[in-house]
Amino acid sequence: MTPDGLACTHIAAFGNKSWPAADFANYLDDPTIKICGDDVCFVVFRLVGPEAEILTLATHPDVQGKGRATAMMQNALAALKSTNVEDVFLDVAEDNAPARALYARCGFTQFTTRSNYYANGASAICMKIVLSAASFPNSPS
């Protein structure tokens, strides 16, 4: 992964709401940030103790709709679990049906809503998944 590659995908996915390469360069050097995936499909987590928060997830439009984000997210969650992260949180716009479906496929559930959270007036759906060993009693640690 490179800052320029990540920024290119983020621009393609988010347009004028995207993050610059300099931000990704900082994140790649930040020990409290974990980026999983590759330049065309990735997720950025902020790590805080036994919790992680998804800051952004982007898939380049050229590779969307092929299951790539689902596989990447499942691998990322497994990697977080192996480092003792127990809970992962995110906010997703209520009008972003594809992202909400992705998160639901990966096991995230809604726990609250933040009304009128985004600049366009959309509410944020707050979701989480529990990764602790107690949640997966039949899986190896």
C-alpha atoms as a PDB file:
ATOM      1  CA  MET A   1       0.000   0.000   0.000  1.00  0.00           C
ATOM      2  CA  THR A   2       1.147   3.494  -0.783  1.00  0.00           C
ATOM      3  CA  PRO A   3      -0.272   6.860   0.279  1.00  0.00           C
ATOM      4  CA  ASP A   4      -0.826   7.787  -3.372  1.00  0.00           C
ATOM      5  CA  GLY A   5      -2.551   4.491  -4.155  1.00  0.00           C
ATOM      6  CA  LEU A   6      -4.846   4.780  -1.140  1.00  0.00           C
ATOM      7  CA  ALA A   7      -5.649   8.410  -1.969  1.00  0.00           C
ATOM      8  CA  CYS A   8      -6.411   7.513  -5.599  1.00  0.00           C
ATOM      9  CA  THR A   9      -8.990   4.934  -4.509  1.00  0.00           C
ATOM     10  CA  HIS A  10     -10.420   7.264  -1.880  1.00  0.00           C
ATOM     11  CA  ILE A  11     -10.864  10.011  -4.511  1.00  0.00           C
ATOM     12  CA  ALA A  12     -12.535   7.574  -6.894  1.00  0.00           C
ATOM     13  CA  ALA A  13     -14.875   6.373  -4.139  1.00  0.00           C
ATOM     14  CA  PHE A  14     -15.637   9.663  -2.336  1.00  0.00           C
ATOM     15  CA  GLY A  15     -14.917  12.470  -4.818  1.00  0.00           C
ATOM     16  CA  ASN A  16     -14.552  15.850  -3.139  1.00  0.00           C
ATOM     17  CA  LYS A  17     -14.966  14.284   0.330  1.00  0.00           C
ATOM     18  CA  SER A  18     -11.802  12.207  -0.063  1.00  0.00           C
ATOM     19  CA  TRP A  19      -8.624  12.322   1.986  1.00  0.00           C
ATOM     20  CA  PRO A  20      -5.273  13.456   0.537  1.00  0.00           C
ATOM     21  CA  ALA A  21      -2.208  11.234   0.211  1.00  0.00           C
ATOM     22  CA  ALA A  22      -0.527  13.142   3.059  1.00  0.00           C
ATOM     23  CA  ASP A  23      -3.224  11.921   5.457  1.00  0.00           C
ATOM     24  CA  PHE A  24      -2.670   8.332   4.372  1.00  0.00           C
ATOM     25  CA  ALA A  25       1.094   8.760   4.755  1.00  0.00           C
ATOM     26  CA  ASN A  26       0.532   9.882   8.342  1.00  0.00           C
ATOM     27  CA  TYR A  27      -1.813   6.979   9.003  1.00  0.00           C
ATOM     28  CA  LEU A  28       0.662   4.443   7.619  1.00  0.00           C
ATOM     29  CA  ASP A  29       3.214   5.710  10.176  1.00  0.00           C
ATOM     30  CA  ASP A  30       0.775   5.936  13.111  1.00  0.00           C
ATOM     31  CA  PRO A  31       0.916   2.967  15.537  1.00  0.00           C
ATOM     32  CA  THR A  32      -2.697   3.631  16.606  1.00  0.00           C
ATOM     33  CA  ILE A  33      -3.918   3.156  13.021  1.00  0.00           C
ATOM     34  CA  LYS A  34      -4.259  -0.142  11.175  1.00  0.00           C
ATOM     35  CA  ILE A  35      -4.912  -0.193   7.439  1.00  0.00           C
ATOM     36  CA  CYS A  36      -5.993  -3.520   5.973  1.00  0.00           C
ATOM     37  CA  GLY A  37      -6.422  -4.446   2.329  1.00  0.00           C
ATOM     38  CA  ASP A  38      -4.587  -2.999  -0.650  1.00  0.00           C
ATOM     39  CA  ASP A  39      -4.509   0.160  -2.744  1.00  0.00           C
ATOM     40  CA  VAL A  40      -7.860  -0.563  -4.441  1.00  0.00           C
ATOM     41  CA  CYS A  41      -9.861  -1.918  -1.482  1.00  0.00           C
ATOM     42  CA  PHE A  42      -9.014  -1.002   2.096  1.00  0.00           C
ATOM     43  CA  VAL A  43     -10.283  -0.143   5.545  1.00  0.00           C
ATOM     44  CA  VAL A  44      -8.693   2.238   8.062  1.00  0.00           C
ATOM     45  CA  PHE A  45      -9.104   1.476  11.780  1.00  0.00           C
ATOM     46  CA  ARG A  46      -8.192   3.586  14.807  1.00  0.00           C
ATOM     47  CA  LEU A  47      -7.113   1.306  17.664  1.00  0.00           C
ATOM     48  CA  VAL A  48      -7.848   2.218  21.285  1.00  0.00           C
ATOM     49  CA  GLY A  49      -7.214  -0.545  23.802  1.00  0.00           C
ATOM     50  CA  PRO A  50      -9.561  -3.456  23.146  1.00  0.00           C
ATOM     51  CA  GLU A  51     -11.627  -1.379  20.705  1.00  0.00           C
ATOM     52  CA  ALA A  52     -11.282  -0.259  17.110  1.00  0.00           C
ATOM     53  CA  GLU A  53     -13.209   2.278  15.080  1.00  0.00           C
ATOM     54  CA  ILE A  54     -13.543   2.241  11.315  1.00  0.00           C
ATOM     55  CA  LEU A  55     -12.484   5.666  10.071  1.00  0.00           C
ATOM     56  CA  THR A  56     -13.056   4.913   6.403  1.00  0.00           C
ATOM     57  CA  LEU A  57     -13.486   2.061   3.967  1.00  0.00           C
ATOM     58  CA  ALA A  58     -13.018   2.476   0.238  1.00  0.00           C
ATOM     59  CA  THR A  59     -13.214   0.250  -2.801  1.00  0.00           C
ATOM     60  CA  HIS A  60     -12.246   1.604  -6.197  1.00  0.00           C
ATOM     61  CA  PRO A  61     -15.351   1.726  -8.436  1.00  0.00           C
ATOM     62  CA  ASP A  62     -13.550  -0.443 -11.025  1.00  0.00           C
ATOM     63  CA  VAL A  63     -13.595  -3.404  -8.600  1.00  0.00           C
ATOM     64  CA  GLN A  64     -16.861  -2.818  -6.729  1.00  0.00           C
ATOM     65  CA  GLY A  65     -19.599  -5.437  -6.741  1.00  0.00           C
ATOM     66  CA  LYS A  66     -17.268  -8.431  -6.859  1.00  0.00           C
ATOM     67  CA  GLY A  67     -17.166  -9.384  -3.169  1.00  0.00           C
ATOM     68  CA  ARG A  68     -13.757  -7.867  -2.680  1.00  0.00           C
ATOM     69  CA  ALA A  69     -14.757  -5.543   0.187  1.00  0.00           C
ATOM     70  CA  THR A  70     -16.548  -8.357   2.030  1.00  0.00           C
ATOM     71  CA  ALA A  71     -13.508 -10.652   1.833  1.00  0.00           C
ATOM     72  CA  MET A  72     -11.156  -7.818   2.804  1.00  0.00           C
ATOM     73  CA  MET A  73     -13.319  -6.846   5.782  1.00  0.00           C
ATOM     74  CA  GLN A  74     -13.596 -10.434   7.004  1.00  0.00           C
ATOM     75  CA  ASN A  75      -9.795 -10.780   6.837  1.00  0.00           C
ATOM     76  CA  ALA A  76      -9.360  -7.424   8.592  1.00  0.00           C
ATOM     77  CA  LEU A  77     -11.712  -8.421  11.416  1.00  0.00           C
ATOM     78  CA  ALA A  78      -9.863 -11.716  11.862  1.00  0.00           C
ATOM     79  CA  ALA A  79      -6.574  -9.794  12.047  1.00  0.00           C
ATOM     80  CA  LEU A  80      -8.008  -7.453  14.676  1.00  0.00           C
ATOM     81  CA  LYS A  81      -9.329 -10.375  16.713  1.00  0.00           C
ATOM     82  CA  SER A  82      -5.863 -11.960  16.676  1.00  0.00           C
ATOM     83  CA  THR A  83      -4.467  -8.771  18.266  1.00  0.00           C
ATOM     84  CA  ASN A  84      -7.057  -8.895  21.084  1.00  0.00           C
ATOM     85  CA  VAL A  85      -9.408  -6.253  19.716  1.00  0.00           C
ATOM     86  CA  GLU A  86     -12.820  -7.106  21.155  1.00  0.00           C
ATOM     87  CA  ASP A  87     -15.211  -4.529  19.709  1.00  0.00           C
ATOM     88  CA  VAL A  88     -15.245  -2.648  16.410  1.00  0.00           C
ATOM     89  CA  PHE A  89     -17.447   0.412  15.913  1.00  0.00           C
ATOM     90  CA  LEU A  90     -18.442   2.484  12.889  1.00  0.00           C
ATOM     91  CA  ASP A  91     -20.835   5.161  11.684  1.00  0.00           C
ATOM     92  CA  VAL A  92     -22.441   4.819   8.265  1.00  0.00           C
ATOM     93  CA  ALA A  93     -24.865   7.164   6.538  1.00  0.00           C
ATOM     94  CA  GLU A  94     -28.425   5.890   6.624  1.00  0.00           C
ATOM     95  CA  ASP A  95     -28.686   6.528   2.869  1.00  0.00           C
ATOM     96  CA  ASN A  96     -25.570   4.449   2.050  1.00  0.00           C
ATOM     97  CA  ALA A  97     -27.328   1.141   1.387  1.00  0.00           C
ATOM     98  CA  PRO A  98     -24.313  -0.640  -0.169  1.00  0.00           C
ATOM     99  CA  ALA A  99     -22.085   0.098   2.843  1.00  0.00           C
ATOM    100  CA  ARG A 100     -24.810  -0.838   5.320  1.00  0.00           C
ATOM    101  CA  ALA A 101     -25.291  -4.144   3.494  1.00  0.00           C
ATOM    102  CA  LEU A 102     -21.536  -4.815   3.544  1.00  0.00           C
ATOM    103  CA  TYR A 103     -21.317  -4.214   7.272  1.00  0.00           C
ATOM    104  CA  ALA A 104     -24.358  -6.394   7.944  1.00  0.00           C
ATOM    105  CA  ARG A 105     -22.840  -9.233   5.850  1.00  0.00           C
ATOM    106  CA  CYS A 106     -19.732  -8.969   8.017  1.00  0.00           C
ATOM    107  CA  GLY A 107     -21.714  -9.272  11.256  1.00  0.00           C
ATOM    108  CA  PHE A 108     -22.098  -5.652  12.355  1.00  0.00           C
ATOM    109  CA  THR A 109     -25.349  -4.725  14.089  1.00  0.00           C
ATOM    110  CA  GLN A 110     -26.939  -1.340  14.679  1.00  0.00           C
ATOM    111  CA  PHE A 111     -26.940  -0.066  18.242  1.00  0.00           C
ATOM    112  CA  THR A 112     -28.096   3.560  17.834  1.00  0.00           C
ATOM    113  CA  THR A 113     -28.668   6.401  15.372  1.00  0.00           C
ATOM    114  CA  ARG A 114     -27.256   9.932  15.295  1.00  0.00           C
ATOM    115  CA  SER A 115     -29.932  12.098  13.713  1.00  0.00           C
ATOM    116  CA  ASN A 116     -28.893  14.675  11.093  1.00  0.00           C
ATOM    117  CA  TYR A 117     -25.244  13.738  11.607  1.00  0.00           C
ATOM    118  CA  TYR A 118     -23.970  14.443   8.102  1.00  0.00           C
ATOM    119  CA  ALA A 119     -23.859  17.796   6.297  1.00  0.00           C
ATOM    120  CA  ASN A 120     -26.565  16.658   3.861  1.00  0.00           C
ATOM    121  CA  GLY A 121     -28.930  15.955   6.787  1.00  0.00           C
ATOM    122  CA  ALA A 122     -28.564  12.170   6.665  1.00  0.00           C
ATOM    123  CA  SER A 123     -28.481  10.363   9.963  1.00  0.00           C
ATOM    124  CA  ALA A 124     -25.591   8.133  10.982  1.00  0.00           C
ATOM    125  CA  ILE A 125     -26.300   4.512  11.762  1.00  0.00           C
ATOM    126  CA  CYS A 126     -23.938   3.441  14.556  1.00  0.00           C
ATOM    127  CA  MET A 127     -22.933  -0.198  14.275  1.00  0.00           C
ATOM    128  CA  LYS A 128     -20.640  -2.582  16.116  1.00  0.00           C
ATOM    129  CA  ILE A 129     -19.356  -6.117  16.080  1.00  0.00           C
ATOM    130  CA  VAL A 130     -17.999  -8.052  19.044  1.00  0.00           C
ATOM    131  CA  LEU A 131     -14.827 -10.022  18.272  1.00  0.00           C
ATOM    132  CA  SER A 132     -13.970 -11.320  21.740  1.00  0.00           C
ATOM    133  CA  ALA A 133     -13.254 -15.011  22.222  1.00  0.00           C
ATOM    134  CA  ALA A 134     -16.403 -15.269  24.338  1.00  0.00           C
ATOM    135  CA  SER A 135     -18.427 -14.358  21.240  1.00  0.00           C
ATOM    136  CA  PHE A 136     -16.849 -17.192  19.251  1.00  0.00           C
ATOM    137  CA  PRO A 137     -16.682 -20.120  21.705  1.00  0.00           C
ATOM    138  CA  ASN A 138     -16.034 -22.752  19.007  1.00  0.00           C
ATOM    139  CA  SER A 139     -13.263 -20.920  17.176  1.00  0.00           C
ATOM    140  CA  PRO A 140      -9.555 -21.249  17.946  1.00  0.00           C
ATOM    141  CA  SER A 141      -7.999 -18.300  19.801  1.00  0.00           C
END
